[in-house]
Amino acid sequence: INTRAPLPHSVCGLAWSRWSKMSSSGWILAVCLVVLEGGRHAVWAEEGSGSERNCSAIPPYLPPTAVNTTLRLRDLRASMIPLNISAYIIPATDAHLSEYIAPRDARLAWMSGFTGSAGTAVITQNKAVLWTDSRYWIQAERQIDCNWELERDASVRSITNWLILEIPEGDQVGFDPFLFSVDIFDVYNTNLAPAGRLLKSIPDNLVDKIWTGRPPLPPDNPIRLPDSVIERTWPVKVEQIRAQISDNPYKPTAVLLSALDETAWLFNLRGNDIPFNPFFYSYTLLSMDEIWLFVHIERITEELKVYLNTSCYHSYCVQLLEYSSVRSYLQSYLQKPNVRVWVGTEYTNQALYELITLEDKLLTSTYSPVLTTKAVKDATEQRILKEAHIRDAVAVMQLLVWLEKKVPEGTETELTAAHFVDQCRGKQKNSRGPSFETISASGPNAALAHYSPSNETARKLSVDEMYLVDSGGQYLDGTTDITRTVHWGNPTDFQKEAYTRVLMGNIEISRTVFPAGTRGVNMEMLGRRALWEVGLNYGHGTGHGLGNYFGVHEWPVGFQSNNIPFQEGMFTSIEPGYYKENDFGVRIEDIAVTVPATTKHGNNYLTFETVSLVPYDRKLINTSLLSPEQVHWLNKYCETIRSVVGPELERQGLKEEYDWMMKHTAPFLSAGASAVISSVTLLVTVLPSVLLHNLL
C-alpha cells in the first residue's frame, strides 16, 4: 500500500549554512516565512522514505524527527572561549556512568537531538560531530540536523584521531570529569597526550549552564524493599563487603561505590530517579568501622533514617551526607594517615578518581567488590526472579494472542502494540512498570536493533511483514527482558532461514556445558556460528546480566570481553539476531540462569536454565536446519512452558491464552521434517477431551 503524506519544506527552504549564520531574530523571521510558504511547496514522500536527513540536497532535507540545534551550538561555543578550549566532549552518560540516565542528564540528546543510549559528541568552533555504533546509525540520521556530522566508528581511538587532525598541537580539549570513567579518561589521555593535545577537566558542565528548562530532580523518595524479597539484610551485605576489604592483600581501608546500583543493592533500597531503573542519586564510602551515604538528605524519610541507623555512630550506623559533598568529603578522608581507597575503575568517575593523587592511597580493580558480589544471586533472589518471569510470560503471551487477532484487521501500529504489552504487564502481581522503552518494530524498522516507535515513526502492523518486540518489566521481585520475532503471513524462505539460524545460536549457547569460571566471551561465538556458516552476522552483543528489580542491563555479567567469569547463580540474557537493512530484523532473546550440570566425569560444570518461557514462532522455524540435539532441546523447552506457565494461565483464568500456548508448544518432529503441527497434534492440543473422545 502506497500512502503519501505532504511534508512541508520548513527548514529545508534555505541552505543550511545560511541558517546557521543568521542572527536569532533573522532565524525566527525566516522560520515564519518558510512555514507560511510550506503549504504551497510540499514535498511528497513514499511511506518509509524521506525519514533520514539529506544534507547534500538543495535545499537540504530534514525529517520531522530532526532537532534544530543552531542556537544551542552557538551558546555552547560562546561558553568555550573564556575557558581557552578548542573542543568540548559530551558523552551520553551521567556522573555514575549509567547506561540509562534521567532526563536532566540527557545532555547529548539536548545538544544534538540524538536520543540513542550510546554516543559521544565533540564540538569545536566550526564543527559538531556525533559518534555512535551501528545500532544507532539510522536513528541518528533521523534525529540530527545538518549542523552535525555523523561518524560511524564509536571507538575512542576514532574520536581522538579526529581531534588530533582538527585542533592544533598544544590546544586544550575540555571535558566534564564526572562524565568520564577512570578507564575511558585513560584511553583518551593515552591517545591525545603524545600528540600534544591536552585534556582540561571542567567539573562545572558547560551544557548545564546553557540548558534552559533543564528538568529538575525527581521528587520521589527512596524506599526500602519488603522483607519478603530479601534474604540478606543490609548489615549482612556490609559484613560481606567488609570481609573482602579485610581479606584483600593490598590492605584497603575503604571502598568507594559510585554506580547507582551498588548503593541500592547494599542497603536494599530502590528509587525512581532514572526512567525504567529503580535507582536514586547516591554514592557510598564504606570503611571497616564507618559508613557514609551521600544522598539528597531531604528525600530520606524518618522511617528510612531509623532503618539505616542514622542516629548512632558505631560500625553499622549510616552517616548521611549531602550528595554534592562527595568530592570534598573524599578529599578530606584522603588526608588522613594510612588510608587507601578501593575503587572499581569501570564505574568510578574521573572527578573523584583524580583526587587520589598518591599511589599509596589508591587500590583499583575493574569492578568493585559490590558489583562482583551482586552478580551471584542468592537462593531467594533466584527463586523470586524465576517467579517474576512466569508472570511476565503471561503478559507477553497476551500480547501475541491479541496481535494474532488484531493485525489482520489492519488497525494496530508499533506504538499501540508497545502500549498493549505495557498494560498487560501492569496487571500482573508486583508490577512496577516497564524495564526499558519497548522495542516494537515491523518490517524495515526491525532492522534497527534498538528502534523504539514514536508518533512520527510508528509503522502499521501488517501480515506481510516480520514483527520484532523486545520488552521487559520491572516487578518488586525481579526484572525481565525478552524478545520474540513473529510473522502472521507467509514469510520468505530467507526470513525462515535467518530466524532458524538465530534460534540455533540461542539454543547452542543455552544447551552448552562448560567449566565454572568460563568467561562468556569464550562461548559467544556459539551464538553466531549458525549465521557465520552462511555469511550472516549481527552487530550487537550476545547477552548481558539482569537484576532483581534493578537494571535490565546489569554488569558485569555477560558475553563481552570485560565481563567476569560465569559462576553458579548468575542471570544473563542470550540474544543473537540478524538484521537485513530496510527489510526485516530477527532477534530471539531469553533470560537464563547458570546452574550445575551433570556430567559423566566432572563435577564443577555449569549450564544454562532458560527462565523466559514464551513459545517461539513455529511458522518461522525450518527444522531441516536443526540437529537432533537442537530439536530435543526445543521440545524440552516447550514442555517446560506447559508445566510452568500453564498453571499460571489457568490460575488467572486466561483460557484463550492457555489454548494458544498449548498449540504453540506442541512437539516438533525430528530434524528434516517441517515445523508445521500435524492435524492430530492440533486436535490433541486444543480440542476438549470429551469432543476428542467423540471424534476418535
Foldseek 3Di string as FASTA:
>chain_A
DWDKDWDFCQPLQQAPVVLLPDDPVVNVVVNVVSVVCRVVDTDIDTPPPLLFWANVDRSTRAHPQADDQSVVLVQLQVVVVVVQAFKEKDWQAFLQLDLFAFQLNRLVCVRFVQDHSGWMWMHGPQAIEIEDEPLCPRVSRNYGDPSYHYDHHRDLLVVLVVVLVPDDAQHEYEYALSNAFLVRVVVNCVSNVVSRYHYDHDNPDSSSVVDPPRDDFDDAAKDAFDPLLDDAALVRLLVVQQVVLVPDPLNAFKEKARHQVLVCVNHRIFPCRTPLFGGFQWIWIAGQWAIEIAHQVVRQDPVNQVSQQQPDRTRSHYDYDHNVCVQVVLLVVLPDPPHAYEYQRCRRTSSNVVSNPDPSNYDYDNHRPSQVVQQFDDPSLVVLALVLLLLLQVLVLVLVLVCLPCQQVQDDWLVVSQVSSQVSQVPTAQFDTWNDQKQKDKWQRQLSVDDHDDPSRIDTHHLVIKIKIWTWTQGSSFIDIWMAIEHNHADDPVQLLQQQLQLQLLLQQQFDKFFFFAALLVVQCSNCVSVVVVPFADDDFQKAFTHTSGHRHRPDDGRDPNHGTHDFRGKMKGWGWGHDHNGHIDIGIFIWGWDWDDDDPDGRMIGTDTSNQHFHHLSSHQLLPPAQVSLVSLLVSLVCSCVRNLVVCVVVVPVVSNLVSQLRNQRADGHPDGSDDDPVSNCVRHPDPVVVVVVD
